[in-house]
N, C-alpha and C. Protein backbone atom coordinates (compact mmCIF):
# COMPACT_ATOMS: atom_id res chain seq x y z
N UNK A 1 225.16 75.96 28.14
CA UNK A 1 226.92 76.19 28.31
C UNK A 1 226.77 77.85 29.08
N UNK A 2 226.85 77.68 29.69
CA UNK A 2 227.09 79.73 29.85
C UNK A 2 228.93 79.36 29.93
N UNK A 3 228.92 80.93 28.47
CA UNK A 3 229.52 81.68 29.17
C UNK A 3 230.78 81.86 29.61
N UNK A 4 231.17 82.26 29.93
CA UNK A 4 232.50 82.88 30.56
C UNK A 4 233.31 84.53 30.16
N UNK A 5 233.26 85.85 29.88
CA UNK A 5 233.75 86.50 29.00
C UNK A 5 234.83 86.93 29.16
N UNK A 6 235.62 86.17 31.39
CA UNK A 6 237.14 86.66 30.90
C UNK A 6 237.69 85.03 30.96
N UNK A 7 237.02 84.27 30.19
CA UNK A 7 237.45 83.36 29.42
C UNK A 7 237.66 83.26 28.39
N UNK A 8 239.52 82.94 28.18
CA UNK A 8 239.70 82.84 26.71
C UNK A 8 239.27 81.88 26.45
N UNK A 9 239.27 80.05 26.64
CA UNK A 9 238.77 79.22 25.97
C UNK A 9 237.33 79.50 26.04
N UNK A 10 235.78 80.33 26.92
CA UNK A 10 235.42 80.18 26.82
C UNK A 10 235.23 80.47 25.80
N UNK A 11 235.65 81.68 24.99
CA UNK A 11 234.91 82.94 23.93
C UNK A 11 235.57 82.30 22.40
N UNK A 12 236.75 80.90 22.36
CA UNK A 12 236.71 81.15 20.86
C UNK A 12 236.18 80.26 20.72
N UNK A 13 234.82 80.22 21.24
CA UNK A 13 233.67 79.68 19.78
C UNK A 13 233.41 80.64 19.24
N UNK A 14 233.36 81.70 20.10
CA UNK A 14 232.03 83.24 18.97
C UNK A 14 233.28 83.79 19.00
N UNK A 15 235.22 83.81 18.72
CA UNK A 15 235.69 83.73 18.42
C UNK A 15 236.03 83.56 17.32
N UNK A 16 236.43 82.09 17.28
CA UNK A 16 236.14 81.84 15.84
C UNK A 16 236.07 82.15 14.62
N UNK A 17 237.08 82.49 13.40
CA UNK A 17 236.09 82.94 12.30
C UNK A 17 235.22 80.65 11.77
N UNK A 18 233.80 81.31 11.33
CA UNK A 18 233.15 80.14 10.67
C UNK A 18 233.84 78.79 10.37
N UNK A 19 234.95 79.34 10.02
CA UNK A 19 236.70 78.15 8.62
C UNK A 19 236.70 77.49 9.51
N UNK A 20 237.27 78.03 10.59
CA UNK A 20 238.00 77.21 11.68
C UNK A 20 237.40 76.78 13.04
N UNK A 21 235.96 77.22 12.82
CA UNK A 21 235.34 76.24 13.94
C UNK A 21 235.41 74.26 13.64
N UNK A 22 235.49 74.22 13.86
CA UNK A 22 234.87 72.28 13.91
C UNK A 22 233.69 71.56 14.27
N UNK A 23 233.86 72.06 15.99
CA UNK A 23 232.74 71.08 16.47
C UNK A 23 232.74 72.17 17.90
N UNK A 24 231.29 72.36 17.54
CA UNK A 24 230.78 73.26 18.95
C UNK A 24 229.75 72.36 19.52
N UNK A 25 230.14 71.40 19.95
CA UNK A 25 229.42 70.59 21.02
C UNK A 25 228.73 70.42 22.29
N UNK A 26 228.06 69.42 22.82
CA UNK A 26 227.49 70.30 23.46
C UNK A 26 229.28 69.61 25.39
N UNK A 27 229.30 68.96 24.23
CA UNK A 27 230.37 68.39 26.08
C UNK A 27 232.49 69.07 25.48
N UNK A 28 232.06 69.27 23.93
CA UNK A 28 233.11 69.31 24.01
C UNK A 28 233.30 70.17 22.79
N UNK A 29 234.72 71.31 22.97
CA UNK A 29 234.37 71.90 21.19
C UNK A 29 236.47 72.19 21.12
N UNK A 30 235.90 72.33 19.54
CA UNK A 30 236.72 72.20 18.04
C UNK A 30 237.49 73.11 17.74
N UNK A 31 238.13 73.55 17.59
CA UNK A 31 239.14 74.68 16.51
C UNK A 31 239.96 74.70 16.26
N UNK A 32 239.32 74.64 15.22
CA UNK A 32 241.42 74.80 14.14
C UNK A 32 242.37 76.07 14.11
N UNK A 33 243.21 75.68 14.50
CA UNK A 33 244.70 76.85 14.56
C UNK A 33 244.89 77.49 13.78
N UNK A 34 244.76 78.98 13.64
CA UNK A 34 244.58 79.67 12.17
C UNK A 34 244.78 79.62 11.33
N UNK A 35 246.40 79.10 10.90
CA UNK A 35 247.25 78.78 10.20
C UNK A 35 248.08 77.84 9.52
N UNK A 36 248.19 76.89 10.96
CA UNK A 36 248.86 75.61 10.91
C UNK A 36 247.70 74.99 10.61
N UNK A 37 247.99 74.69 9.64
CA UNK A 37 247.16 73.25 9.12
C UNK A 37 247.27 72.11 9.45
N UNK A 38 246.31 71.02 9.70
CA UNK A 38 246.36 70.06 11.19
C UNK A 38 246.48 70.04 12.36
N UNK A 39 246.73 71.56 12.95
CA UNK A 39 246.77 71.96 14.47
C UNK A 39 245.79 71.75 14.91
N UNK A 40 244.93 71.72 15.59
CA UNK A 40 243.96 71.16 16.40
C UNK A 40 243.56 72.04 17.82
N UNK A 41 242.51 72.44 18.86
CA UNK A 41 242.62 72.95 20.02
C UNK A 41 241.19 72.12 19.88
N UNK A 42 241.63 71.27 21.10
CA UNK A 42 240.08 70.14 21.49
C UNK A 42 239.74 70.57 22.98
N UNK A 43 238.97 70.81 23.79
CA UNK A 43 238.62 71.56 24.88
C UNK A 43 236.81 71.33 25.31
N UNK A 44 237.27 71.00 26.86
CA UNK A 44 235.11 70.12 26.54
C UNK A 44 234.51 71.94 27.41
N UNK A 45 234.35 72.43 27.47
CA UNK A 45 232.54 73.03 27.18
C UNK A 45 232.65 72.96 29.16
N UNK A 46 233.09 72.85 29.26
CA UNK A 46 233.37 73.52 31.45
C UNK A 46 234.11 73.30 32.27
N UNK A 47 233.49 74.16 32.98
CA UNK A 47 234.65 74.94 33.65
C UNK A 47 235.07 73.33 34.43
N UNK A 48 236.63 73.23 34.38
CA UNK A 48 237.18 71.82 35.29
C UNK A 48 239.14 71.96 35.48
N UNK A 49 239.15 71.09 36.48
CA UNK A 49 240.13 71.08 36.95
C UNK A 49 241.41 69.91 36.14
N UNK A 50 241.30 69.92 35.37
CA UNK A 50 241.81 68.85 33.69
C UNK A 50 241.22 67.22 33.99
N UNK A 51 241.75 67.14 33.33
CA UNK A 51 241.74 65.95 32.47
C UNK A 51 240.11 64.72 33.33
N UNK A 52 241.05 64.56 35.38
CA UNK A 52 240.26 64.14 36.19
C UNK A 52 239.66 64.25 37.12
N UNK A 53 238.82 65.51 36.65
CA UNK A 53 237.37 65.76 37.13
C UNK A 53 236.94 66.46 35.58
N UNK A 54 236.63 65.23 34.55
CA UNK A 54 235.89 66.23 33.76
C UNK A 54 234.43 65.22 33.85
N UNK A 55 233.72 65.46 33.00
CA UNK A 55 231.97 65.33 33.43
C UNK A 55 231.78 63.64 32.31
N UNK A 56 231.44 63.01 33.17
CA UNK A 56 231.09 61.57 32.51
C UNK A 56 231.36 61.24 31.41
N UNK A 57 230.18 62.52 31.03
CA UNK A 57 229.46 62.75 29.89
C UNK A 57 231.02 62.96 28.48
N UNK A 58 231.86 64.11 29.11
CA UNK A 58 232.81 64.15 28.25
C UNK A 58 233.80 62.43 28.15
N UNK A 59 234.50 62.10 29.48
CA UNK A 59 234.84 61.25 29.00
C UNK A 59 234.42 59.82 27.91
N UNK A 60 233.41 60.00 28.25
CA UNK A 60 232.32 58.96 27.17
C UNK A 60 232.74 59.14 25.33
N UNK A 61 232.86 61.06 25.92
CA UNK A 61 232.85 61.20 24.45
C UNK A 61 234.53 60.93 24.21
N UNK A 62 235.93 61.04 24.43
CA UNK A 62 236.64 61.93 24.36
C UNK A 62 237.13 61.26 23.80
N UNK A 63 237.56 59.48 23.66
CA UNK A 63 238.13 58.60 22.35
C UNK A 63 237.84 58.80 21.97
N UNK A 64 235.77 58.41 21.53
CA UNK A 64 235.29 58.64 19.69
C UNK A 64 235.85 59.93 19.32
N UNK A 65 235.66 61.09 19.85
CA UNK A 65 236.24 62.21 19.43
C UNK A 65 237.61 62.29 18.77
N UNK A 66 238.33 62.10 19.39
CA UNK A 66 239.41 61.79 19.06
C UNK A 66 240.31 60.45 18.16
N UNK A 67 239.40 60.37 18.07
CA UNK A 67 240.06 58.60 16.38
C UNK A 67 238.78 59.38 15.61
N UNK A 68 238.34 60.24 15.50
CA UNK A 68 237.71 59.92 14.71
C UNK A 68 238.53 61.49 14.17
N UNK A 69 238.67 62.97 14.85
CA UNK A 69 239.36 63.59 14.08
C UNK A 69 240.79 63.00 13.52
N UNK A 70 241.66 62.06 14.03
CA UNK A 70 242.83 61.80 13.48
C UNK A 70 242.24 60.78 12.28
N UNK A 71 241.63 60.26 12.13
CA UNK A 71 240.74 60.07 11.12
C UNK A 71 240.43 60.80 9.76
N UNK A 72 240.32 62.04 9.64
CA UNK A 72 240.10 63.04 9.10
C UNK A 72 240.95 63.42 9.54
N UNK A 73 242.26 64.39 9.33
CA UNK A 73 243.25 64.26 9.68
C UNK A 73 244.71 63.26 8.39
N UNK A 74 243.73 61.82 8.74
CA UNK A 74 244.79 61.08 8.22
C UNK A 74 244.76 61.57 7.09
N UNK A 75 243.17 61.73 6.39
CA UNK A 75 242.28 61.29 4.85
C UNK A 75 242.85 62.71 4.28
N UNK A 76 243.26 63.39 5.23
CA UNK A 76 243.36 65.34 4.46
C UNK A 76 245.26 64.89 4.40
N UNK A 77 246.12 64.06 4.23
CA UNK A 77 247.55 63.79 3.80
C UNK A 77 247.91 63.76 5.13
N UNK A 78 247.89 63.44 6.71
CA UNK A 78 249.45 63.62 7.50
C UNK A 78 249.13 62.02 8.23
N UNK A 79 250.52 61.56 8.59
CA UNK A 79 250.20 60.35 8.57
C UNK A 79 249.90 60.14 10.39
N UNK A 80 250.06 60.87 11.27
CA UNK A 80 249.86 60.79 12.94
C UNK A 80 250.04 62.05 12.78
N UNK A 81 249.39 60.95 14.29
CA UNK A 81 248.79 61.98 14.96
C UNK A 81 249.11 62.73 16.42
N UNK A 82 249.23 63.11 17.23
CA UNK A 82 250.08 63.28 18.28
C UNK A 82 248.63 64.31 19.09
N UNK A 83 249.15 63.72 20.83
CA UNK A 83 247.40 65.07 20.77
C UNK A 83 248.93 65.45 22.01
N UNK A 84 248.55 66.18 22.51
CA UNK A 84 249.54 67.09 23.71
C UNK A 84 248.90 67.97 24.52
N UNK A 85 249.06 67.34 25.51
CA UNK A 85 247.69 68.27 26.56
C UNK A 85 248.54 69.04 27.62
N UNK A 86 248.34 69.60 28.24
CA UNK A 86 249.75 70.02 29.07
C UNK A 86 249.34 71.86 29.55
N UNK A 87 247.81 71.65 29.76
CA UNK A 87 247.17 71.96 30.46
C UNK A 87 246.77 72.84 32.30
N UNK A 88 247.47 72.92 32.35
CA UNK A 88 248.05 73.42 33.61
C UNK A 88 247.93 75.24 34.33
N UNK A 89 246.84 76.17 33.13
CA UNK A 89 247.26 77.37 33.05
C UNK A 89 244.83 77.52 32.19
N UNK A 90 244.53 76.75 33.29
CA UNK A 90 243.29 76.99 32.33
C UNK A 90 242.81 76.23 32.90
N UNK A 91 241.09 76.57 33.21
CA UNK A 91 240.41 76.02 34.15
C UNK A 91 238.87 75.03 32.91
N UNK A 92 239.48 74.81 31.31
CA UNK A 92 239.91 73.51 30.89
C UNK A 92 240.87 72.61 30.43
N UNK A 93 239.71 72.02 30.17
CA UNK A 93 241.18 70.28 29.88
C UNK A 93 241.07 70.32 28.65
N UNK A 94 241.87 70.44 27.75
CA UNK A 94 242.56 71.44 26.79
C UNK A 94 243.09 70.32 25.85
N UNK A 95 243.55 70.09 24.71
CA UNK A 95 244.41 68.85 24.02
C UNK A 95 244.33 69.73 22.06
N UNK A 96 245.92 69.54 22.69
CA UNK A 96 245.86 69.93 21.19
C UNK A 96 247.07 68.84 20.06
N UNK A 97 245.75 68.74 18.88
CA UNK A 97 245.94 67.43 18.27
C UNK A 97 246.70 68.24 16.94
N UNK A 98 247.74 67.02 16.33
CA UNK A 98 248.76 67.88 16.09
C UNK A 98 248.71 66.89 15.03
N UNK A 99 248.59 67.53 14.04
CA UNK A 99 248.56 65.94 12.50
C UNK A 99 250.98 66.16 12.23
N UNK A 100 250.96 65.02 11.39
CA UNK A 100 252.04 65.21 11.59
C UNK A 100 252.40 64.37 9.84
N UNK A 101 252.95 65.06 9.48
CA UNK A 101 253.35 64.47 7.83
C UNK A 101 254.57 63.95 7.88
N UNK A 102 253.87 62.78 6.65
CA UNK A 102 255.66 62.02 6.37
C UNK A 102 256.98 62.71 7.11
N UNK A 103 257.68 63.07 6.77
CA UNK A 103 258.57 63.58 6.52
C UNK A 103 259.43 64.41 7.87
N UNK A 104 257.93 64.98 8.67
CA UNK A 104 258.16 66.13 9.92
C UNK A 104 259.09 65.23 10.83
N UNK A 105 259.76 65.81 12.01
CA UNK A 105 260.59 65.36 12.48
C UNK A 105 260.08 64.87 14.35
N UNK A 106 260.20 64.01 14.86
CA UNK A 106 259.25 64.41 16.04
C UNK A 106 259.10 65.28 16.33
N UNK A 107 257.55 65.45 16.81
CA UNK A 107 257.68 66.90 17.82
C UNK A 107 258.10 66.70 19.75
N UNK A 108 258.63 65.32 19.51
CA UNK A 108 258.39 65.42 21.42
C UNK A 108 259.57 64.08 21.26
N UNK A 109 260.32 64.62 22.46
CA UNK A 109 261.21 63.02 22.49
C UNK A 109 261.02 63.31 24.00
N UNK A 110 261.06 62.37 24.68
CA UNK A 110 260.90 61.90 25.82
C UNK A 110 262.50 61.99 26.71
N UNK A 111 263.12 62.50 25.97
CA UNK A 111 264.15 62.39 27.21
C UNK A 111 264.82 63.35 28.23
N UNK A 112 264.61 64.22 27.62
CA UNK A 112 264.62 65.89 28.48
C UNK A 112 263.56 65.81 29.19
N UNK A 113 262.93 65.21 28.60
CA UNK A 113 260.81 65.13 30.78
C UNK A 113 262.18 64.45 31.05
N UNK A 114 261.66 62.90 30.19
CA UNK A 114 262.16 61.74 31.40
C UNK A 114 263.61 62.61 32.79
N UNK A 115 264.28 62.65 31.99
CA UNK A 115 265.24 63.59 32.43
C UNK A 115 265.11 64.75 33.57
N UNK A 116 264.12 64.79 33.44
CA UNK A 116 263.81 66.22 33.68
C UNK A 116 262.20 65.59 35.59
N UNK A 117 262.07 64.19 35.12
CA UNK A 117 261.37 63.94 36.14
C UNK A 117 261.40 62.80 36.54
N UNK A 118 263.23 62.37 36.55
CA UNK A 118 264.14 61.54 37.28
C UNK A 118 264.21 62.03 38.70
N UNK A 119 264.00 61.12 39.36
CA UNK A 119 263.82 61.95 41.02
C UNK A 119 264.46 60.42 41.44
N UNK A 120 264.96 59.60 41.35
CA UNK A 120 264.94 58.18 41.72
C UNK A 120 264.07 57.86 42.60
N UNK A 121 262.77 57.44 42.83
CA UNK A 121 261.91 57.03 43.19
C UNK A 121 261.13 56.33 42.93
N UNK A 122 262.11 55.93 43.13
CA UNK A 122 261.43 54.29 42.30
C UNK A 122 260.30 53.38 42.81
N UNK A 123 260.95 53.37 44.49
CA UNK A 123 259.75 52.46 46.33
C UNK A 123 258.16 53.59 45.55
N UNK A 124 258.63 54.53 45.43
CA UNK A 124 257.24 55.41 45.55
C UNK A 124 256.84 55.14 43.69
N UNK A 125 257.56 54.84 42.90
CA UNK A 125 256.65 54.66 41.79
C UNK A 125 255.82 53.45 41.26
N UNK A 126 256.41 52.69 41.94
CA UNK A 126 256.78 51.02 41.92
C UNK A 126 255.31 51.08 43.08
N UNK A 127 254.20 52.02 43.60
CA UNK A 127 253.51 51.62 44.64
C UNK A 127 252.29 52.88 43.64
N UNK A 128 252.51 53.28 43.35
CA UNK A 128 251.82 53.91 42.46
C UNK A 128 251.02 52.62 41.30
N UNK A 129 252.02 52.45 40.48
CA UNK A 129 251.77 52.02 39.57
C UNK A 129 250.59 50.41 40.21
N UNK A 130 251.33 49.91 42.01
CA UNK A 130 250.86 49.35 42.24
C UNK A 130 248.29 50.22 42.86
N UNK A 131 248.54 50.77 42.64
CA UNK A 131 248.36 51.94 43.26
C UNK A 131 247.16 51.72 42.03
N UNK A 132 247.26 51.87 40.89
CA UNK A 132 247.00 52.44 39.27
C UNK A 132 245.73 50.72 39.26
N UNK A 133 246.98 50.08 39.09
CA UNK A 133 245.81 48.98 38.92
C UNK A 133 244.99 48.06 40.20
N UNK A 134 245.20 48.69 41.19
CA UNK A 134 243.73 48.31 41.62
C UNK A 134 242.80 48.91 41.38
N UNK A 135 242.74 50.20 40.84
CA UNK A 135 241.61 51.16 40.47
C UNK A 135 240.92 50.56 39.44
N UNK A 136 241.97 50.56 38.24
CA UNK A 136 241.36 49.65 36.86
C UNK A 136 240.96 48.66 37.14
N UNK A 137 241.70 47.49 38.40
CA UNK A 137 240.37 46.38 38.77
C UNK A 137 239.51 46.55 39.01
N UNK A 138 239.70 48.16 39.61
CA UNK A 138 237.80 47.63 40.81
C UNK A 138 237.78 48.07 39.15
N UNK A 139 237.49 49.21 39.00
CA UNK A 139 236.92 49.79 37.59
C UNK A 139 235.84 49.38 36.54
N UNK A 140 236.11 48.03 36.76
CA UNK A 140 236.36 47.05 35.62
C UNK A 140 236.29 47.01 34.44
N UNK A 141 237.34 48.32 34.43
CA UNK A 141 238.19 49.00 32.87
C UNK A 141 239.12 47.40 31.78
N UNK A 142 239.42 46.96 33.00
CA UNK A 142 240.31 45.57 32.97
C UNK A 142 239.50 44.18 33.02
N UNK A 143 240.57 43.13 31.97
CA UNK A 143 239.69 41.54 32.60
C UNK A 143 240.65 41.13 33.94
């Protein structure tokens, strides 16, 4: 996979200290954040336009990868794993996995987010949900 010198994520695997490199795979890279135990950056190796545009091969590997990483965090003393994706400013789909210890406060409270997103578009929201249901039925992902 070609690396792009001007892309921070492309060069991350090359610059990460070996002890922080978790995975240098064909479709996904994983780097442990240097001084934050249990915090991982998981990213596609391809440039893409977000989660809806990742390759089929990357999509097929995503679930098993996240499950395996979460199990590894659990075995390292973390109670839960939060998965955060806010990659609006990158040309890679990327996620932060954050291992949470039993006494940790929640890192996300959806109340402010939902207040920010609340725009009273109930009819449109139901129409979008219907299109999504139809798409799932047609995809074979639902019974």
